[in-house]
Amino acid sequence: MLVLSPQAFNERTGIVIGLPMTTASFNESNPFAIKFVGPKNVTSYVLAHQPKSFDWRARGAKAHPWKQVSEDVFSAACEQLNQIITICA
């Protein structure tokens, strides 16, 4: 998941809000999927049309080993989401 909510919110509520990520290649033709290549040269996609939230404490969620996507990927995801719901800065 590409987390969009700020850390202060996440820590206070135990909830994260973000966009799912996948390596499923059928997303190549998805106009709402942001394609990028990760550190291990794996093609991945951020699904900007599927915002989600979940209780990260209850699920025992941890930060992904990559820690974060590039600023370009994050910006592209926010821009794509803004085209749908216009709230992401």
C-alpha atoms as a PDB file:
ATOM      1  CA  MET A   1       0.000   0.000   0.000  1.00  0.00           C
ATOM      2  CA  LEU A   2       1.162   3.492  -0.821  1.00  0.00           C
ATOM      3  CA  VAL A   3       0.208   5.358   2.360  1.00  0.00           C
ATOM      4  CA  LEU A   4      -1.192   8.846   1.725  1.00  0.00           C
ATOM      5  CA  SER A   5      -2.266   9.766   5.253  1.00  0.00           C
ATOM      6  CA  PRO A   6       0.245  11.632   7.441  1.00  0.00           C
ATOM      7  CA  GLN A   7       2.170   9.782  10.132  1.00  0.00           C
ATOM      8  CA  ALA A   8       0.601  11.855  12.941  1.00  0.00           C
ATOM      9  CA  PHE A   9      -2.883  10.724  11.821  1.00  0.00           C
ATOM     10  CA  ASN A  10      -1.765   7.108  11.420  1.00  0.00           C
ATOM     11  CA  GLU A  11      -0.227   6.971  14.896  1.00  0.00           C
ATOM     12  CA  ARG A  12      -3.119   8.732  16.628  1.00  0.00           C
ATOM     13  CA  THR A  13      -5.918   6.702  15.002  1.00  0.00           C
ATOM     14  CA  GLY A  14      -4.192   3.414  14.185  1.00  0.00           C
ATOM     15  CA  ILE A  15      -5.597   3.775  10.668  1.00  0.00           C
ATOM     16  CA  VAL A  16      -3.745   4.303   7.393  1.00  0.00           C
ATOM     17  CA  ILE A  17      -5.327   5.607   4.209  1.00  0.00           C
ATOM     18  CA  GLY A  18      -3.686   4.825   0.919  1.00  0.00           C
ATOM     19  CA  LEU A  19      -3.639   3.122  -2.440  1.00  0.00           C
ATOM     20  CA  PRO A  20      -2.999  -0.570  -3.050  1.00  0.00           C
ATOM     21  CA  MET A  21       0.072  -1.676  -4.961  1.00  0.00           C
ATOM     22  CA  THR A  22       0.475  -4.776  -7.109  1.00  0.00           C
ATOM     23  CA  THR A  23       2.795  -6.469  -9.573  1.00  0.00           C
ATOM     24  CA  ALA A  24      -0.083  -7.923 -11.630  1.00  0.00           C
ATOM     25  CA  SER A  25       0.877  -7.243 -15.249  1.00  0.00           C
ATOM     26  CA  PHE A  26      -2.737  -6.968 -16.460  1.00  0.00           C
ATOM     27  CA  ASN A  27      -2.657  -3.457 -14.942  1.00  0.00           C
ATOM     28  CA  GLU A  28      -0.437  -2.356 -17.844  1.00  0.00           C
ATOM     29  CA  SER A  29      -3.575  -1.232 -19.700  1.00  0.00           C
ATOM     30  CA  ASN A  30      -5.340   0.197 -16.621  1.00  0.00           C
ATOM     31  CA  PRO A  31      -5.573   3.991 -17.065  1.00  0.00           C
ATOM     32  CA  PHE A  32      -5.683   4.450 -13.262  1.00  0.00           C
ATOM     33  CA  ALA A  33      -2.558   2.376 -12.530  1.00  0.00           C
ATOM     34  CA  ILE A  34       0.735   4.197 -12.042  1.00  0.00           C
ATOM     35  CA  LYS A  35       3.516   1.997 -13.363  1.00  0.00           C
ATOM     36  CA  PHE A  36       6.984   2.082 -11.832  1.00  0.00           C
ATOM     37  CA  VAL A  37      10.018  -0.136 -11.454  1.00  0.00           C
ATOM     38  CA  GLY A  38      11.048  -0.894  -7.885  1.00  0.00           C
ATOM     39  CA  PRO A  39      14.529  -1.304  -6.413  1.00  0.00           C
ATOM     40  CA  LYS A  40      14.744  -4.981  -7.400  1.00  0.00           C
ATOM     41  CA  ASN A  41      13.841  -4.123 -11.016  1.00  0.00           C
ATOM     42  CA  VAL A  42      10.287  -5.432 -10.529  1.00  0.00           C
ATOM     43  CA  THR A  43       7.511  -3.656 -12.426  1.00  0.00           C
ATOM     44  CA  SER A  44       4.767  -2.590 -10.022  1.00  0.00           C
ATOM     45  CA  TYR A  45       1.572  -0.542 -10.153  1.00  0.00           C
ATOM     46  CA  VAL A  46      -0.131   1.840  -7.717  1.00  0.00           C
ATOM     47  CA  LEU A  47      -3.911   1.568  -8.157  1.00  0.00           C
ATOM     48  CA  ALA A  48      -5.123   5.159  -7.840  1.00  0.00           C
ATOM     49  CA  HIS A  49      -8.782   4.227  -8.339  1.00  0.00           C
ATOM     50  CA  GLN A  50      -8.933   2.008  -5.236  1.00  0.00           C
ATOM     51  CA  PRO A  51      -8.320   4.142  -2.104  1.00  0.00           C
ATOM     52  CA  LYS A  52      -8.417   2.008   1.033  1.00  0.00           C
ATOM     53  CA  SER A  53      -8.117   2.376   4.777  1.00  0.00           C
ATOM     54  CA  PHE A  54      -7.364  -0.193   7.435  1.00  0.00           C
ATOM     55  CA  ASP A  55      -6.355  -0.537  11.064  1.00  0.00           C
ATOM     56  CA  TRP A  56      -2.622  -1.124  10.789  1.00  0.00           C
ATOM     57  CA  ARG A  57      -2.272  -2.035  14.470  1.00  0.00           C
ATOM     58  CA  ALA A  58      -4.937  -4.739  14.356  1.00  0.00           C
ATOM     59  CA  ARG A  59      -3.327  -6.201  11.220  1.00  0.00           C
ATOM     60  CA  GLY A  60       0.192  -5.925  12.596  1.00  0.00           C
ATOM     61  CA  ALA A  61       1.240  -3.975   9.503  1.00  0.00           C
ATOM     62  CA  LYS A  62       4.835  -2.904   9.082  1.00  0.00           C
ATOM     63  CA  ALA A  63       6.587  -0.561   6.676  1.00  0.00           C
ATOM     64  CA  HIS A  64       7.572  -2.204   3.395  1.00  0.00           C
ATOM     65  CA  PRO A  65      11.308  -2.921   3.052  1.00  0.00           C
ATOM     66  CA  TRP A  66      11.476  -0.316   0.240  1.00  0.00           C
ATOM     67  CA  LYS A  67      10.220   2.273   2.777  1.00  0.00           C
ATOM     68  CA  GLN A  68       8.783   4.630   0.148  1.00  0.00           C
ATOM     69  CA  VAL A  69       8.267   5.132  -3.554  1.00  0.00           C
ATOM     70  CA  SER A  70       9.976   7.920  -5.448  1.00  0.00           C
ATOM     71  CA  GLU A  71       8.563  11.436  -5.247  1.00  0.00           C
ATOM     72  CA  ASP A  72       7.572  11.120  -8.937  1.00  0.00           C
ATOM     73  CA  VAL A  73       5.474   8.009  -8.286  1.00  0.00           C
ATOM     74  CA  PHE A  74       3.880   9.558  -5.175  1.00  0.00           C
ATOM     75  CA  SER A  75       3.012  12.750  -7.082  1.00  0.00           C
ATOM     76  CA  ALA A  76       1.615  10.808 -10.029  1.00  0.00           C
ATOM     77  CA  ALA A  77      -0.584   8.749  -7.682  1.00  0.00           C
ATOM     78  CA  CYS A  78      -1.897  11.902  -5.981  1.00  0.00           C
ATOM     79  CA  GLU A  79      -2.577  13.575  -9.338  1.00  0.00           C
ATOM     80  CA  GLN A  80      -4.446  10.500 -10.589  1.00  0.00           C
ATOM     81  CA  LEU A  81      -6.495  10.283  -7.384  1.00  0.00           C
ATOM     82  CA  ASN A  82      -7.252  14.021  -7.612  1.00  0.00           C
ATOM     83  CA  GLN A  83      -8.809  13.439 -11.020  1.00  0.00           C
ATOM     84  CA  ILE A  84     -11.254  11.081  -9.330  1.00  0.00           C
ATOM     85  CA  ILE A  85     -12.031  12.711  -5.955  1.00  0.00           C
ATOM     86  CA  THR A  86     -10.035  15.981  -5.692  1.00  0.00           C
ATOM     87  CA  ILE A  87      -8.753  15.780  -2.108  1.00  0.00           C
ATOM     88  CA  CYS A  88      -5.118  14.651  -2.293  1.00  0.00           C
ATOM     89  CA  ALA A  89      -2.581  17.498  -2.122  1.00  0.00           C
END
